[in-house]
């Protein structure tokens, strides 16, 4: 994920990507597609490990920021992740996707399309949050509104707040063999205890960007936002959310 507006901390500082890299083949000389590359934080990690990276993101603004990094052996494209074929890319050795899969509620079909971008035997690493709003202690009304919003987002095909738990099954149905499945530690999205100030700033910025959540909650939005932030700041805070990752190989 990219740096969150309102926070001076790159979000990669909160991630456990090293755990995932340990499950991948040696990246030297490999061509890796970074789908949902954002501002290029993970692309920089992949390049540092010797990969040639092709980053793709729907946001032209984020792609511009990624290009400004001036990474060697990396190129970035603004494109829809559903239509990779239109880029006419050669088959890649690997495919990385972090926090992008949840936007595709037809996850099996999307992964099947991504499979076509890999050479036979190529690998895929997909990371996603499960139950983003799953935090305690949270008031009953705020919890109910957030759960209702998550159901609405799924029904409308916008976002699946529980995609993390679905990764393995979706990959297997899409023609992959899962070689590793992990729950990753995460200092921003899935932690216990009181959030650090920079984490709270990141969450506040995230919630302010969620205009559809604001519209869904109506006059209750401010209360829901403030209750969730207070929950995260509580010394007794407990996360029900988790960050899930699956590494798999393309069959055939």
C-alpha atoms as a PDB file:
ATOM      1  CA  UNK A   1       0.000   0.000   0.000  1.00  0.00           C
ATOM      2  CA  UNK A   2       1.094   3.524  -0.557  1.00  0.00           C
ATOM      3  CA  UNK A   3       1.790   6.272   1.906  1.00  0.00           C
ATOM      4  CA  UNK A   4      -1.500   7.486   3.331  1.00  0.00           C
ATOM      5  CA  UNK A   5      -2.317  11.158   3.122  1.00  0.00           C
ATOM      6  CA  UNK A   6      -2.220  12.659   6.590  1.00  0.00           C
ATOM      7  CA  UNK A   7       0.652  10.378   7.654  1.00  0.00           C
ATOM      8  CA  UNK A   8       4.382  10.922   7.215  1.00  0.00           C
ATOM      9  CA  UNK A   9       5.053   7.186   7.555  1.00  0.00           C
ATOM     10  CA  UNK A  10       5.318   5.077   4.383  1.00  0.00           C
ATOM     11  CA  UNK A  11       2.788   2.278   4.825  1.00  0.00           C
ATOM     12  CA  UNK A  12       5.456  -0.283   3.951  1.00  0.00           C
ATOM     13  CA  UNK A  13       6.906   0.354   7.414  1.00  0.00           C
ATOM     14  CA  UNK A  14       3.851  -1.404   8.860  1.00  0.00           C
ATOM     15  CA  UNK A  15       3.899  -4.401   6.524  1.00  0.00           C
ATOM     16  CA  UNK A  16       5.660  -7.773   6.838  1.00  0.00           C
ATOM     17  CA  UNK A  17       6.684  -8.171   3.203  1.00  0.00           C
ATOM     18  CA  UNK A  18       9.905  -9.930   4.174  1.00  0.00           C
ATOM     19  CA  UNK A  19       7.784 -12.895   5.332  1.00  0.00           C
ATOM     20  CA  UNK A  20       6.231 -13.136   1.873  1.00  0.00           C
ATOM     21  CA  UNK A  21       9.524 -12.714   0.014  1.00  0.00           C
ATOM     22  CA  UNK A  22      10.860 -15.754   1.879  1.00  0.00           C
ATOM     23  CA  UNK A  23       8.162 -17.862   0.205  1.00  0.00           C
ATOM     24  CA  UNK A  24       8.985 -16.691  -3.344  1.00  0.00           C
ATOM     25  CA  UNK A  25      11.597 -17.993  -5.783  1.00  0.00           C
ATOM     26  CA  UNK A  26      14.796 -16.003  -6.110  1.00  0.00           C
ATOM     27  CA  UNK A  27      13.735 -12.831  -7.909  1.00  0.00           C
ATOM     28  CA  UNK A  28      16.996 -12.048  -9.710  1.00  0.00           C
ATOM     29  CA  UNK A  29      16.302 -11.798 -13.451  1.00  0.00           C
ATOM     30  CA  UNK A  30      12.563 -12.436 -13.091  1.00  0.00           C
ATOM     31  CA  UNK A  31       9.858 -10.256 -14.636  1.00  0.00           C
ATOM     32  CA  UNK A  32       7.222  -9.458 -12.024  1.00  0.00           C
ATOM     33  CA  UNK A  33       3.871  -7.748 -12.539  1.00  0.00           C
ATOM     34  CA  UNK A  34       2.938  -5.542  -9.580  1.00  0.00           C
ATOM     35  CA  UNK A  35      -0.847  -5.232  -9.875  1.00  0.00           C
ATOM     36  CA  UNK A  36      -2.247  -2.297  -7.929  1.00  0.00           C
ATOM     37  CA  UNK A  37       1.288  -0.926  -7.598  1.00  0.00           C
ATOM     38  CA  UNK A  38       0.235   2.412  -6.093  1.00  0.00           C
ATOM     39  CA  UNK A  39       3.198   4.736  -5.644  1.00  0.00           C
ATOM     40  CA  UNK A  40       5.718   1.939  -6.158  1.00  0.00           C
ATOM     41  CA  UNK A  41       6.735   1.049  -2.590  1.00  0.00           C
ATOM     42  CA  UNK A  42       6.642  -2.707  -3.189  1.00  0.00           C
ATOM     43  CA  UNK A  43       8.060  -2.282  -6.697  1.00  0.00           C
ATOM     44  CA  UNK A  44      11.144  -0.747  -5.093  1.00  0.00           C
ATOM     45  CA  UNK A  45      11.489  -3.814  -2.846  1.00  0.00           C
ATOM     46  CA  UNK A  46      11.162  -6.151  -5.837  1.00  0.00           C
ATOM     47  CA  UNK A  47      13.726  -4.211  -7.875  1.00  0.00           C
ATOM     48  CA  UNK A  48      16.125  -4.264  -4.931  1.00  0.00           C
ATOM     49  CA  UNK A  49      15.909  -8.063  -5.058  1.00  0.00           C
ATOM     50  CA  UNK A  50      16.875  -8.142  -8.722  1.00  0.00           C
ATOM     51  CA  UNK A  51      13.491  -8.285 -10.446  1.00  0.00           C
ATOM     52  CA  UNK A  52      12.342  -6.397 -13.512  1.00  0.00           C
ATOM     53  CA  UNK A  53       9.024  -4.871 -12.472  1.00  0.00           C
ATOM     54  CA  UNK A  54       6.013  -3.841 -14.504  1.00  0.00           C
ATOM     55  CA  UNK A  55       3.697  -1.906 -12.204  1.00  0.00           C
ATOM     56  CA  UNK A  56       0.054  -1.385 -13.108  1.00  0.00           C
ATOM     57  CA  UNK A  57      -2.491   0.751 -11.293  1.00  0.00           C
ATOM     58  CA  UNK A  58      -5.821   2.323 -12.204  1.00  0.00           C
ATOM     59  CA  UNK A  59      -4.749   5.653 -10.688  1.00  0.00           C
ATOM     60  CA  UNK A  60      -2.753   7.775 -13.118  1.00  0.00           C
ATOM     61  CA  UNK A  61      -1.753   9.976 -10.167  1.00  0.00           C
ATOM     62  CA  UNK A  62      -0.223   7.054  -8.285  1.00  0.00           C
ATOM     63  CA  UNK A  63       1.512   5.790 -11.425  1.00  0.00           C
ATOM     64  CA  UNK A  64       3.056   9.246 -11.884  1.00  0.00           C
ATOM     65  CA  UNK A  65       4.419   9.122  -8.316  1.00  0.00           C
ATOM     66  CA  UNK A  66       5.828   5.633  -8.954  1.00  0.00           C
ATOM     67  CA  UNK A  67       7.590   6.832 -12.094  1.00  0.00           C
ATOM     68  CA  UNK A  68       9.135   9.714 -10.175  1.00  0.00           C
ATOM     69  CA  UNK A  69      11.017   7.168  -8.059  1.00  0.00           C
ATOM     70  CA  UNK A  70      13.249   6.567 -11.072  1.00  0.00           C
ATOM     71  CA  UNK A  71      13.577   2.861 -10.302  1.00  0.00           C
ATOM     72  CA  UNK A  72      15.932   0.966 -12.613  1.00  0.00           C
ATOM     73  CA  UNK A  73      14.401  -2.022 -14.414  1.00  0.00           C
ATOM     74  CA  UNK A  74      10.868  -0.799 -13.670  1.00  0.00           C
ATOM     75  CA  UNK A  75       8.063   0.623 -15.761  1.00  0.00           C
ATOM     76  CA  UNK A  76       4.601   1.736 -14.705  1.00  0.00           C
ATOM     77  CA  UNK A  77       1.290   1.842 -16.547  1.00  0.00           C
ATOM     78  CA  UNK A  78      -2.095   3.353 -15.712  1.00  0.00           C
ATOM     79  CA  UNK A  79      -4.563   0.645 -16.698  1.00  0.00           C
ATOM     80  CA  UNK A  80      -7.537  -1.399 -15.541  1.00  0.00           C
ATOM     81  CA  UNK A  81      -6.425  -4.593 -13.819  1.00  0.00           C
ATOM     82  CA  UNK A  82      -9.331  -6.418 -15.448  1.00  0.00           C
ATOM     83  CA  UNK A  83      -7.954  -5.817 -18.946  1.00  0.00           C
ATOM     84  CA  UNK A  84      -4.271  -6.743 -18.759  1.00  0.00           C
ATOM     85  CA  UNK A  85      -4.423  -8.276 -22.233  1.00  0.00           C
ATOM     86  CA  UNK A  86      -4.786  -4.830 -23.746  1.00  0.00           C
ATOM     87  CA  UNK A  87      -1.244  -3.993 -22.598  1.00  0.00           C
ATOM     88  CA  UNK A  88       0.112  -6.876 -24.730  1.00  0.00           C
ATOM     89  CA  UNK A  89       2.724  -7.794 -22.142  1.00  0.00           C
ATOM     90  CA  UNK A  90       4.900 -10.899 -22.519  1.00  0.00           C
ATOM     91  CA  UNK A  91       4.150 -13.674 -19.988  1.00  0.00           C
ATOM     92  CA  UNK A  92       5.614 -12.794 -16.592  1.00  0.00           C
ATOM     93  CA  UNK A  93       7.504 -15.010 -14.162  1.00  0.00           C
ATOM     94  CA  UNK A  94       5.582 -13.724 -11.169  1.00  0.00           C
ATOM     95  CA  UNK A  95       2.632 -11.608 -10.148  1.00  0.00           C
ATOM     96  CA  UNK A  96       2.384  -9.550  -6.948  1.00  0.00           C
ATOM     97  CA  UNK A  97      -0.877  -8.056  -5.716  1.00  0.00           C
ATOM     98  CA  UNK A  98      -1.212  -6.424  -2.308  1.00  0.00           C
ATOM     99  CA  UNK A  99      -4.517  -4.945  -1.148  1.00  0.00           C
ATOM    100  CA  UNK A 100      -6.022  -4.894  -4.644  1.00  0.00           C
ATOM    101  CA  UNK A 101      -7.961  -8.179  -4.778  1.00  0.00           C
ATOM    102  CA  UNK A 102     -10.796  -6.946  -2.548  1.00  0.00           C
ATOM    103  CA  UNK A 103     -11.908  -4.520  -5.266  1.00  0.00           C
ATOM    104  CA  UNK A 104     -12.805  -7.513  -7.449  1.00  0.00           C
ATOM    105  CA  UNK A 105     -15.833  -9.194  -5.927  1.00  0.00           C
ATOM    106  CA  UNK A 106     -15.736 -11.692  -8.825  1.00  0.00           C
ATOM    107  CA  UNK A 107     -12.392 -12.811  -7.411  1.00  0.00           C
ATOM    108  CA  UNK A 108     -12.159 -16.230  -9.091  1.00  0.00           C
ATOM    109  CA  UNK A 109     -12.798 -14.766 -12.543  1.00  0.00           C
ATOM    110  CA  UNK A 110     -10.316 -11.957 -11.931  1.00  0.00           C
ATOM    111  CA  UNK A 111      -7.601 -14.355 -10.777  1.00  0.00           C
ATOM    112  CA  UNK A 112      -8.257 -16.565 -13.818  1.00  0.00           C
ATOM    113  CA  UNK A 113      -7.648 -13.531 -16.052  1.00  0.00           C
ATOM    114  CA  UNK A 114      -4.464 -12.680 -14.132  1.00  0.00           C
ATOM    115  CA  UNK A 115      -3.339 -16.306 -14.586  1.00  0.00           C
ATOM    116  CA  UNK A 116      -3.186 -15.719 -18.328  1.00  0.00           C
ATOM    117  CA  UNK A 117      -0.527 -13.041 -17.723  1.00  0.00           C
ATOM    118  CA  UNK A 118       1.836 -15.658 -16.219  1.00  0.00           C
ATOM    119  CA  UNK A 119       4.042 -18.202 -17.898  1.00  0.00           C
ATOM    120  CA  UNK A 120       3.258 -21.862 -17.067  1.00  0.00           C
ATOM    121  CA  UNK A 121       4.628 -22.559 -13.602  1.00  0.00           C
ATOM    122  CA  UNK A 122       4.799 -18.862 -12.776  1.00  0.00           C
ATOM    123  CA  UNK A 123       4.008 -17.710  -9.255  1.00  0.00           C
ATOM    124  CA  UNK A 124       1.463 -15.346  -7.739  1.00  0.00           C
ATOM    125  CA  UNK A 125       1.461 -13.694  -4.301  1.00  0.00           C
ATOM    126  CA  UNK A 126      -1.816 -12.114  -3.229  1.00  0.00           C
ATOM    127  CA  UNK A 127      -2.253 -10.242   0.064  1.00  0.00           C
ATOM    128  CA  UNK A 128      -5.552  -8.883   1.345  1.00  0.00           C
ATOM    129  CA  UNK A 129      -7.171  -7.603   4.519  1.00  0.00           C
ATOM    130  CA  UNK A 130     -10.013  -9.553   6.066  1.00  0.00           C
ATOM    131  CA  UNK A 131     -12.633  -7.658   8.107  1.00  0.00           C
ATOM    132  CA  UNK A 132     -11.119  -4.163   7.900  1.00  0.00           C
ATOM    133  CA  UNK A 133     -13.610  -2.763  10.421  1.00  0.00           C
ATOM    134  CA  UNK A 134     -13.248  -5.699  12.831  1.00  0.00           C
ATOM    135  CA  UNK A 135     -12.040  -3.922  15.973  1.00  0.00           C
ATOM    136  CA  UNK A 136     -13.134  -3.961  19.618  1.00  0.00           C
ATOM    137  CA  UNK A 137     -14.374  -2.385  21.844  1.00  0.00           C
ATOM    138  CA  UNK A 138     -16.854  -0.752  19.465  1.00  0.00           C
ATOM    139  CA  UNK A 139     -20.404   0.363  20.208  1.00  0.00           C
ATOM    140  CA  UNK A 140     -23.291  -1.732  18.921  1.00  0.00           C
ATOM    141  CA  UNK A 141     -24.661   0.954  16.581  1.00  0.00           C
ATOM    142  CA  UNK A 142     -21.287   1.738  14.994  1.00  0.00           C
ATOM    143  CA  UNK A 143     -20.580  -1.973  14.553  1.00  0.00           C
ATOM    144  CA  UNK A 144     -23.987  -2.510  12.926  1.00  0.00           C
ATOM    145  CA  UNK A 145     -23.556   0.402  10.500  1.00  0.00           C
ATOM    146  CA  UNK A 146     -20.076  -0.692   9.461  1.00  0.00           C
ATOM    147  CA  UNK A 147     -21.262  -4.271   8.920  1.00  0.00           C
ATOM    148  CA  UNK A 148     -24.216  -3.038   6.867  1.00  0.00           C
ATOM    149  CA  UNK A 149     -21.891  -0.886   4.770  1.00  0.00           C
ATOM    150  CA  UNK A 150     -19.637  -3.897   4.112  1.00  0.00           C
ATOM    151  CA  UNK A 151     -22.647  -5.947   2.963  1.00  0.00           C
ATOM    152  CA  UNK A 152     -23.780  -3.090   0.711  1.00  0.00           C
ATOM    153  CA  UNK A 153     -20.315  -2.785  -0.868  1.00  0.00           C
ATOM    154  CA  UNK A 154     -20.243  -6.516  -1.620  1.00  0.00           C
ATOM    155  CA  UNK A 155     -23.781  -6.575  -3.028  1.00  0.00           C
ATOM    156  CA  UNK A 156     -22.954  -3.619  -5.291  1.00  0.00           C
ATOM    157  CA  UNK A 157     -19.725  -5.256  -6.504  1.00  0.00           C
ATOM    158  CA  UNK A 158     -17.539  -2.428  -5.177  1.00  0.00           C
ATOM    159  CA  UNK A 159     -15.443  -4.143  -2.519  1.00  0.00           C
ATOM    160  CA  UNK A 160     -15.292  -7.357  -0.491  1.00  0.00           C
ATOM    161  CA  UNK A 161     -14.332  -6.588   3.102  1.00  0.00           C
ATOM    162  CA  UNK A 162     -13.870 -10.316   3.769  1.00  0.00           C
ATOM    163  CA  UNK A 163     -11.816 -11.235   0.714  1.00  0.00           C
ATOM    164  CA  UNK A 164      -8.796 -12.277   2.780  1.00  0.00           C
ATOM    165  CA  UNK A 165     -10.438 -15.489   3.903  1.00  0.00           C
ATOM    166  CA  UNK A 166     -11.444 -16.313   0.320  1.00  0.00           C
ATOM    167  CA  UNK A 167      -8.037 -16.126  -1.336  1.00  0.00           C
ATOM    168  CA  UNK A 168      -7.070 -19.796  -1.192  1.00  0.00           C
ATOM    169  CA  UNK A 169     -10.353 -21.144  -2.554  1.00  0.00           C
ATOM    170  CA  UNK A 170     -10.495 -18.506  -5.296  1.00  0.00           C
ATOM    171  CA  UNK A 171      -6.905 -19.232  -6.385  1.00  0.00           C
ATOM    172  CA  UNK A 172      -7.530 -22.971  -6.536  1.00  0.00           C
ATOM    173  CA  UNK A 173     -10.707 -22.506  -8.573  1.00  0.00           C
ATOM    174  CA  UNK A 174      -8.796 -20.187 -10.923  1.00  0.00           C
ATOM    175  CA  UNK A 175      -6.162 -22.796 -11.784  1.00  0.00           C
ATOM    176  CA  UNK A 176      -3.437 -22.236  -9.202  1.00  0.00           C
ATOM    177  CA  UNK A 177      -1.778 -24.555  -6.694  1.00  0.00           C
ATOM    178  CA  UNK A 178      -1.374 -22.820  -3.334  1.00  0.00           C
ATOM    179  CA  UNK A 179       2.119 -23.360  -1.918  1.00  0.00           C
ATOM    180  CA  UNK A 180       1.910 -21.115   1.160  1.00  0.00           C
ATOM    181  CA  UNK A 181      -0.867 -19.465   3.160  1.00  0.00           C
ATOM    182  CA  UNK A 182      -0.059 -16.977   5.914  1.00  0.00           C
ATOM    183  CA  UNK A 183      -1.505 -14.492   8.356  1.00  0.00           C
ATOM    184  CA  UNK A 184       0.842 -11.518   8.305  1.00  0.00           C
ATOM    185  CA  UNK A 185       1.548  -9.196  11.221  1.00  0.00           C
ATOM    186  CA  UNK A 186       0.529  -5.644  10.393  1.00  0.00           C
ATOM    187  CA  UNK A 187       1.181  -2.549  12.466  1.00  0.00           C
ATOM    188  CA  UNK A 188      -1.631  -0.529  10.924  1.00  0.00           C
ATOM    189  CA  UNK A 189      -4.481  -2.838   9.952  1.00  0.00           C
ATOM    190  CA  UNK A 190      -4.336  -5.737  12.418  1.00  0.00           C
ATOM    191  CA  UNK A 191      -2.784  -5.008  15.808  1.00  0.00           C
ATOM    192  CA  UNK A 192      -3.748  -5.118  19.468  1.00  0.00           C
ATOM    193  CA  UNK A 193      -3.398  -2.312  21.996  1.00  0.00           C
ATOM    194  CA  UNK A 194      -3.470   1.434  21.463  1.00  0.00           C
ATOM    195  CA  UNK A 195      -2.558   2.701  18.005  1.00  0.00           C
ATOM    196  CA  UNK A 196       0.479   4.943  17.642  1.00  0.00           C
ATOM    197  CA  UNK A 197      -0.258   8.550  16.587  1.00  0.00           C
ATOM    198  CA  UNK A 198       0.899   7.943  13.004  1.00  0.00           C
ATOM    199  CA  UNK A 199      -1.369   4.902  12.734  1.00  0.00           C
ATOM    200  CA  UNK A 200      -4.334   6.915  13.981  1.00  0.00           C
ATOM    201  CA  UNK A 201      -3.511   9.624  11.432  1.00  0.00           C
ATOM    202  CA  UNK A 202      -3.498   7.011   8.672  1.00  0.00           C
ATOM    203  CA  UNK A 203      -6.863   5.620   9.769  1.00  0.00           C
ATOM    204  CA  UNK A 204      -8.382   9.095  10.024  1.00  0.00           C
ATOM    205  CA  UNK A 205      -7.221   9.894   6.482  1.00  0.00           C
ATOM    206  CA  UNK A 206      -8.584   6.565   5.224  1.00  0.00           C
ATOM    207  CA  UNK A 207     -12.000   7.154   6.751  1.00  0.00           C
ATOM    208  CA  UNK A 208     -12.170  10.702   5.406  1.00  0.00           C
ATOM    209  CA  UNK A 209     -11.489   9.377   1.901  1.00  0.00           C
ATOM    210  CA  UNK A 210     -14.374   6.918   2.155  1.00  0.00           C
ATOM    211  CA  UNK A 211     -17.072   9.204   0.815  1.00  0.00           C
ATOM    212  CA  UNK A 212     -19.448   6.310   0.157  1.00  0.00           C
ATOM    213  CA  UNK A 213     -19.210   5.358   3.836  1.00  0.00           C
ATOM    214  CA  UNK A 214     -20.036   8.954   4.740  1.00  0.00           C
ATOM    215  CA  UNK A 215     -23.071   8.883   2.456  1.00  0.00           C
ATOM    216  CA  UNK A 216     -24.183   5.491   3.777  1.00  0.00           C
ATOM    217  CA  UNK A 217     -23.999   6.551   7.424  1.00  0.00           C
ATOM    218  CA  UNK A 218     -25.527   9.980   6.793  1.00  0.00           C
ATOM    219  CA  UNK A 219     -25.837  12.092   9.927  1.00  0.00           C
ATOM    220  CA  UNK A 220     -24.256   9.286  11.964  1.00  0.00           C
ATOM    221  CA  UNK A 221     -20.956   9.297  10.038  1.00  0.00           C
ATOM    222  CA  UNK A 222     -19.064  11.560  12.453  1.00  0.00           C
ATOM    223  CA  UNK A 223     -20.118   9.424  15.403  1.00  0.00           C
ATOM    224  CA  UNK A 224     -19.094   6.192  13.646  1.00  0.00           C
ATOM    225  CA  UNK A 225     -15.733   7.667  12.592  1.00  0.00           C
ATOM    226  CA  UNK A 226     -14.951   9.037  16.028  1.00  0.00           C
ATOM    227  CA  UNK A 227     -16.013   5.806  17.744  1.00  0.00           C
ATOM    228  CA  UNK A 228     -13.791   3.705  15.509  1.00  0.00           C
ATOM    229  CA  UNK A 229     -10.808   6.017  16.035  1.00  0.00           C
ATOM    230  CA  UNK A 230     -11.389   5.979  19.792  1.00  0.00           C
ATOM    231  CA  UNK A 231     -11.518   2.183  19.661  1.00  0.00           C
ATOM    232  CA  UNK A 232      -8.155   2.075  17.875  1.00  0.00           C
ATOM    233  CA  UNK A 233      -6.664   4.470  20.446  1.00  0.00           C
ATOM    234  CA  UNK A 234      -7.953   2.427  23.389  1.00  0.00           C
ATOM    235  CA  UNK A 235      -5.321   0.551  25.399  1.00  0.00           C
ATOM    236  CA  UNK A 236      -7.781  -2.375  25.479  1.00  0.00           C
ATOM    237  CA  UNK A 237      -8.183  -2.377  21.702  1.00  0.00           C
ATOM    238  CA  UNK A 238      -8.284  -5.822  20.099  1.00  0.00           C
ATOM    239  CA  UNK A 239      -8.214  -6.469  16.360  1.00  0.00           C
ATOM    240  CA  UNK A 240     -10.517  -9.018  14.762  1.00  0.00           C
ATOM    241  CA  UNK A 241      -9.114  -8.045  11.363  1.00  0.00           C
ATOM    242  CA  UNK A 242      -6.234  -9.971   9.843  1.00  0.00           C
ATOM    243  CA  UNK A 243      -3.982  -9.655   6.813  1.00  0.00           C
ATOM    244  CA  UNK A 244      -3.956 -12.842   4.745  1.00  0.00           C
ATOM    245  CA  UNK A 245      -1.489 -13.846   2.055  1.00  0.00           C
ATOM    246  CA  UNK A 246      -1.418 -16.775  -0.362  1.00  0.00           C
ATOM    247  CA  UNK A 247       1.466 -17.735  -2.616  1.00  0.00           C
ATOM    248  CA  UNK A 248       0.576 -20.059  -5.485  1.00  0.00           C
ATOM    249  CA  UNK A 249       1.877 -21.478  -8.756  1.00  0.00           C
ATOM    250  CA  UNK A 250       0.109 -21.468 -12.082  1.00  0.00           C
ATOM    251  CA  UNK A 251      -0.950 -24.955 -13.103  1.00  0.00           C
ATOM    252  CA  UNK A 252      -0.220 -26.124 -16.643  1.00  0.00           C
END
